Amino acid sequence: MSAIAIVFLIVAAVVVWGGLLASIGFLTARPEVSSYPPGGEDGPGED
């Protein structure tokens, strides 16, 4: 492999794993939505 290919491999791995770790951190800090916007209820007879 050339040097540029190895650099791009490392950059891609950092982006993917960094995004995964960031999303895990965000979900552990805020696991549930505290409030929902209005208008989310179904009417009678709607599934």
PDB file of N, CA and C in Angstrom:
ATOM      1  N   MET A   1       0.841  -1.182   0.000  1.00  0.00           N
ATOM      2  CA  MET A   1       0.000   0.000   0.000  1.00  0.00           C
ATOM      3  C   MET A   1       0.884   1.242   0.000  1.00  0.00           C
ATOM      4  N   SER A   2       0.418   2.234  -0.686  1.00  0.00           N
ATOM      5  CA  SER A   2       1.172   3.483  -0.720  1.00  0.00           C
ATOM      6  C   SER A   2       0.914   4.290   0.555  1.00  0.00           C
ATOM      7  N   ALA A   3       1.704   5.288   0.770  1.00  0.00           N
ATOM      8  CA  ALA A   3       1.584   6.106   1.977  1.00  0.00           C
ATOM      9  C   ALA A   3       0.250   6.849   2.016  1.00  0.00           C
ATOM     10  N   ILE A   4      -0.198   7.350   0.866  1.00  0.00           N
ATOM     11  CA  ILE A   4      -1.463   8.087   0.837  1.00  0.00           C
ATOM     12  C   ILE A   4      -2.645   7.165   1.143  1.00  0.00           C
ATOM     13  N   ALA A   5      -2.567   5.918   0.710  1.00  0.00           N
ATOM     14  CA  ALA A   5      -3.630   4.955   1.003  1.00  0.00           C
ATOM     15  C   ALA A   5      -3.694   4.654   2.501  1.00  0.00           C
ATOM     16  N   ILE A   6      -2.559   4.553   3.136  1.00  0.00           N
ATOM     17  CA  ILE A   6      -2.528   4.299   4.579  1.00  0.00           C
ATOM     18  C   ILE A   6      -3.071   5.505   5.342  1.00  0.00           C
ATOM     19  N   VAL A   7      -2.726   6.695   4.889  1.00  0.00           N
ATOM     20  CA  VAL A   7      -3.240   7.912   5.536  1.00  0.00           C
ATOM     21  C   VAL A   7      -4.757   7.967   5.426  1.00  0.00           C
ATOM     22  N   PHE A   8      -5.287   7.698   4.252  1.00  0.00           N
ATOM     23  CA  PHE A   8      -6.735   7.718   4.077  1.00  0.00           C
ATOM     24  C   PHE A   8      -7.414   6.613   4.880  1.00  0.00           C
ATOM     25  N   LEU A   9      -6.779   5.465   5.013  1.00  0.00           N
ATOM     26  CA  LEU A   9      -7.312   4.387   5.833  1.00  0.00           C
ATOM     27  C   LEU A   9      -7.401   4.820   7.286  1.00  0.00           C
ATOM     28  N   ILE A  10      -6.368   5.461   7.782  1.00  0.00           N
ATOM     29  CA  ILE A  10      -6.371   5.928   9.172  1.00  0.00           C
ATOM     30  C   ILE A  10      -7.409   7.023   9.372  1.00  0.00           C
ATOM     31  N   VAL A  11      -7.509   7.953   8.450  1.00  0.00           N
ATOM     32  CA  VAL A  11      -8.498   9.033   8.554  1.00  0.00           C
ATOM     33  C   VAL A  11      -9.910   8.461   8.551  1.00  0.00           C
ATOM     34  N   ALA A  12     -10.181   7.520   7.671  1.00  0.00           N
ATOM     35  CA  ALA A  12     -11.514   6.921   7.610  1.00  0.00           C
ATOM     36  C   ALA A  12     -11.838   6.158   8.892  1.00  0.00           C
ATOM     37  N   ALA A  13     -10.868   5.432   9.429  1.00  0.00           N
ATOM     38  CA  ALA A  13     -11.101   4.691  10.673  1.00  0.00           C
ATOM     39  C   ALA A  13     -11.364   5.642  11.829  1.00  0.00           C
ATOM     40  N   VAL A  14     -10.626   6.757  11.893  1.00  0.00           N
ATOM     41  CA  VAL A  14     -10.844   7.737  12.964  1.00  0.00           C
ATOM     42  C   VAL A  14     -12.222   8.373  12.844  1.00  0.00           C
ATOM     43  N   VAL A  15     -12.660   8.663  11.643  1.00  0.00           N
ATOM     44  CA  VAL A  15     -13.984   9.270  11.448  1.00  0.00           C
ATOM     45  C   VAL A  15     -15.084   8.293  11.869  1.00  0.00           C
ATOM     46  N   VAL A  16     -14.989   7.048  11.450  1.00  0.00           N
ATOM     47  CA  VAL A  16     -16.024   6.061  11.769  1.00  0.00           C
ATOM     48  C   VAL A  16     -16.046   5.771  13.263  1.00  0.00           C
ATOM     49  N   TRP A  17     -14.900   5.428  13.847  1.00  0.00           N
ATOM     50  CA  TRP A  17     -14.866   5.090  15.270  1.00  0.00           C
ATOM     51  C   TRP A  17     -15.118   6.312  16.141  1.00  0.00           C
ATOM     52  N   GLY A  18     -14.676   7.475  15.717  1.00  0.00           N
ATOM     53  CA  GLY A  18     -14.948   8.704  16.465  1.00  0.00           C
ATOM     54  C   GLY A  18     -16.431   9.024  16.491  1.00  0.00           C
ATOM     55  N   GLY A  19     -17.095   8.841  15.370  1.00  0.00           N
ATOM     56  CA  GLY A  19     -18.544   9.047  15.323  1.00  0.00           C
ATOM     57  C   GLY A  19     -19.289   8.060  16.196  1.00  0.00           C
ATOM     58  N   LEU A  20     -18.824   6.823  16.200  1.00  0.00           N
ATOM     59  CA  LEU A  20     -19.453   5.808  17.049  1.00  0.00           C
ATOM     60  C   LEU A  20     -19.287   6.162  18.523  1.00  0.00           C
ATOM     61  N   LEU A  21     -18.083   6.537  18.909  1.00  0.00           N
ATOM     62  CA  LEU A  21     -17.846   6.899  20.308  1.00  0.00           C
ATOM     63  C   LEU A  21     -18.604   8.164  20.697  1.00  0.00           C
ATOM     64  N   ALA A  22     -18.695   9.129  19.800  1.00  0.00           N
ATOM     65  CA  ALA A  22     -19.448  10.345  20.092  1.00  0.00           C
ATOM     66  C   ALA A  22     -20.934  10.048  20.269  1.00  0.00           C
ATOM     67  N   SER A  23     -21.487   9.184  19.431  1.00  0.00           N
ATOM     68  CA  SER A  23     -22.909   8.855  19.559  1.00  0.00           C
ATOM     69  C   SER A  23     -23.183   8.056  20.827  1.00  0.00           C
ATOM     70  N   ILE A  24     -22.280   7.169  21.205  1.00  0.00           N
ATOM     71  CA  ILE A  24     -22.442   6.427  22.459  1.00  0.00           C
ATOM     72  C   ILE A  24     -22.379   7.386  23.639  1.00  0.00           C
ATOM     73  N   GLY A  25     -21.453   8.318  23.605  1.00  0.00           N
ATOM     74  CA  GLY A  25     -21.355   9.306  24.678  1.00  0.00           C
ATOM     75  C   GLY A  25     -22.590  10.180  24.771  1.00  0.00           C
ATOM     76  N   PHE A  26     -23.121  10.594  23.635  1.00  0.00           N
ATOM     77  CA  PHE A  26     -24.329  11.415  23.640  1.00  0.00           C
ATOM     78  C   PHE A  26     -25.520  10.638  24.196  1.00  0.00           C
ATOM     79  N   LEU A  27     -25.655   9.376  23.796  1.00  0.00           N
ATOM     80  CA  LEU A  27     -26.784   8.580  24.273  1.00  0.00           C
ATOM     81  C   LEU A  27     -26.666   8.217  25.745  1.00  0.00           C
ATOM     82  N   THR A  28     -25.475   8.059  26.265  1.00  0.00           N
ATOM     83  CA  THR A  28     -25.339   7.785  27.693  1.00  0.00           C
ATOM     84  C   THR A  28     -25.610   9.040  28.515  1.00  0.00           C
ATOM     85  N   ALA A  29     -25.319  10.215  27.964  1.00  0.00           N
ATOM     86  CA  ALA A  29     -25.584  11.460  28.690  1.00  0.00           C
ATOM     87  C   ALA A  29     -27.068  11.822  28.653  1.00  0.00           C
ATOM     88  N   ARG A  30     -27.736  11.564  27.552  1.00  0.00           N
ATOM     89  CA  ARG A  30     -29.158  11.896  27.392  1.00  0.00           C
ATOM     90  C   ARG A  30     -29.897  10.703  26.806  1.00  0.00           C
ATOM     91  N   PRO A  31     -30.246   9.706  27.635  1.00  0.00           N
ATOM     92  CA  PRO A  31     -30.816   8.473  27.088  1.00  0.00           C
ATOM     93  C   PRO A  31     -32.247   8.590  26.573  1.00  0.00           C
ATOM     94  N   GLU A  32     -33.037   9.525  27.106  1.00  0.00           N
ATOM     95  CA  GLU A  32     -34.429   9.645  26.678  1.00  0.00           C
ATOM     96  C   GLU A  32     -34.752  11.097  26.370  1.00  0.00           C
ATOM     97  N   VAL A  33     -35.739  11.291  25.526  1.00  0.00           N
ATOM     98  CA  VAL A  33     -36.219  12.629  25.225  1.00  0.00           C
ATOM     99  C   VAL A  33     -37.103  13.064  26.387  1.00  0.00           C
ATOM    100  N   SER A  34     -36.838  14.251  26.944  1.00  0.00           N
ATOM    101  CA  SER A  34     -37.600  14.693  28.107  1.00  0.00           C
ATOM    102  C   SER A  34     -38.982  15.221  27.723  1.00  0.00           C
ATOM    103  N   SER A  35     -39.102  15.807  26.536  1.00  0.00           N
ATOM    104  CA  SER A  35     -40.413  16.303  26.108  1.00  0.00           C
ATOM    105  C   SER A  35     -40.536  16.158  24.598  1.00  0.00           C
ATOM    106  N   TYR A  36     -41.732  15.929  24.161  1.00  0.00           N
ATOM    107  CA  TYR A  36     -42.017  15.767  22.740  1.00  0.00           C
ATOM    108  C   TYR A  36     -42.777  16.986  22.237  1.00  0.00           C
ATOM    109  N   PRO A  37     -42.676  17.299  20.963  1.00  0.00           N
ATOM    110  CA  PRO A  37     -43.446  18.433  20.431  1.00  0.00           C
ATOM    111  C   PRO A  37     -44.931  18.101  20.404  1.00  0.00           C
ATOM    112  N   PRO A  38     -45.806  19.110  20.457  1.00  0.00           N
ATOM    113  CA  PRO A  38     -47.252  18.852  20.449  1.00  0.00           C
ATOM    114  C   PRO A  38     -47.698  18.281  19.116  1.00  0.00           C
ATOM    115  N   GLY A  39     -48.821  17.550  19.169  1.00  0.00           N
ATOM    116  CA  GLY A  39     -49.420  17.021  17.943  1.00  0.00           C
ATOM    117  C   GLY A  39     -49.019  15.618  17.607  1.00  0.00           C
ATOM    118  N   GLY A  40     -48.461  14.885  18.533  1.00  0.00           N
ATOM    119  CA  GLY A  40     -48.019  13.534  18.245  1.00  0.00           C
ATOM    120  C   GLY A  40     -49.034  12.449  18.552  1.00  0.00           C
ATOM    121  N   GLU A  41     -50.179  12.813  19.083  1.00  0.00           N
ATOM    122  CA  GLU A  41     -51.180  11.804  19.460  1.00  0.00           C
ATOM    123  C   GLU A  41     -52.018  11.394  18.261  1.00  0.00           C
ATOM    124  N   ASP A  42     -52.379  10.115  18.210  1.00  0.00           N
ATOM    125  CA  ASP A  42     -53.274   9.633  17.160  1.00  0.00           C
ATOM    126  C   ASP A  42     -54.722   9.909  17.548  1.00  0.00           C
ATOM    127  N   GLY A  43     -55.509  10.164  16.550  1.00  0.00           N
ATOM    128  CA  GLY A  43     -56.931  10.377  16.781  1.00  0.00           C
ATOM    129  C   GLY A  43     -57.633   9.054  16.978  1.00  0.00           C
ATOM    130  N   PRO A  44     -58.914   9.093  17.349  1.00  0.00           N
ATOM    131  CA  PRO A  44     -59.658   7.853  17.539  1.00  0.00           C
ATOM    132  C   PRO A  44     -59.784   7.082  16.220  1.00  0.00           C
ATOM    133  N   GLY A  45     -59.524   5.798  16.273  1.00  0.00           N
ATOM    134  CA  GLY A  45     -59.620   4.940  15.097  1.00  0.00           C
ATOM    135  C   GLY A  45     -58.378   4.922  14.229  1.00  0.00           C
ATOM    136  N   GLU A  46     -57.361   5.679  14.580  1.00  0.00           N
ATOM    137  CA  GLU A  46     -56.121   5.680  13.816  1.00  0.00           C
ATOM    138  C   GLU A  46     -55.115   4.789  14.502  1.00  0.00           C
ATOM    139  N   ASP A  47     -54.331   4.066  13.702  1.00  0.00           N
ATOM    140  CA  ASP A  47     -53.316   3.178  14.287  1.00  0.00           C
ATOM    141  C   ASP A  47     -51.964   3.808  14.296  1.00  0.00           C
TER     142      ASP A  47
END
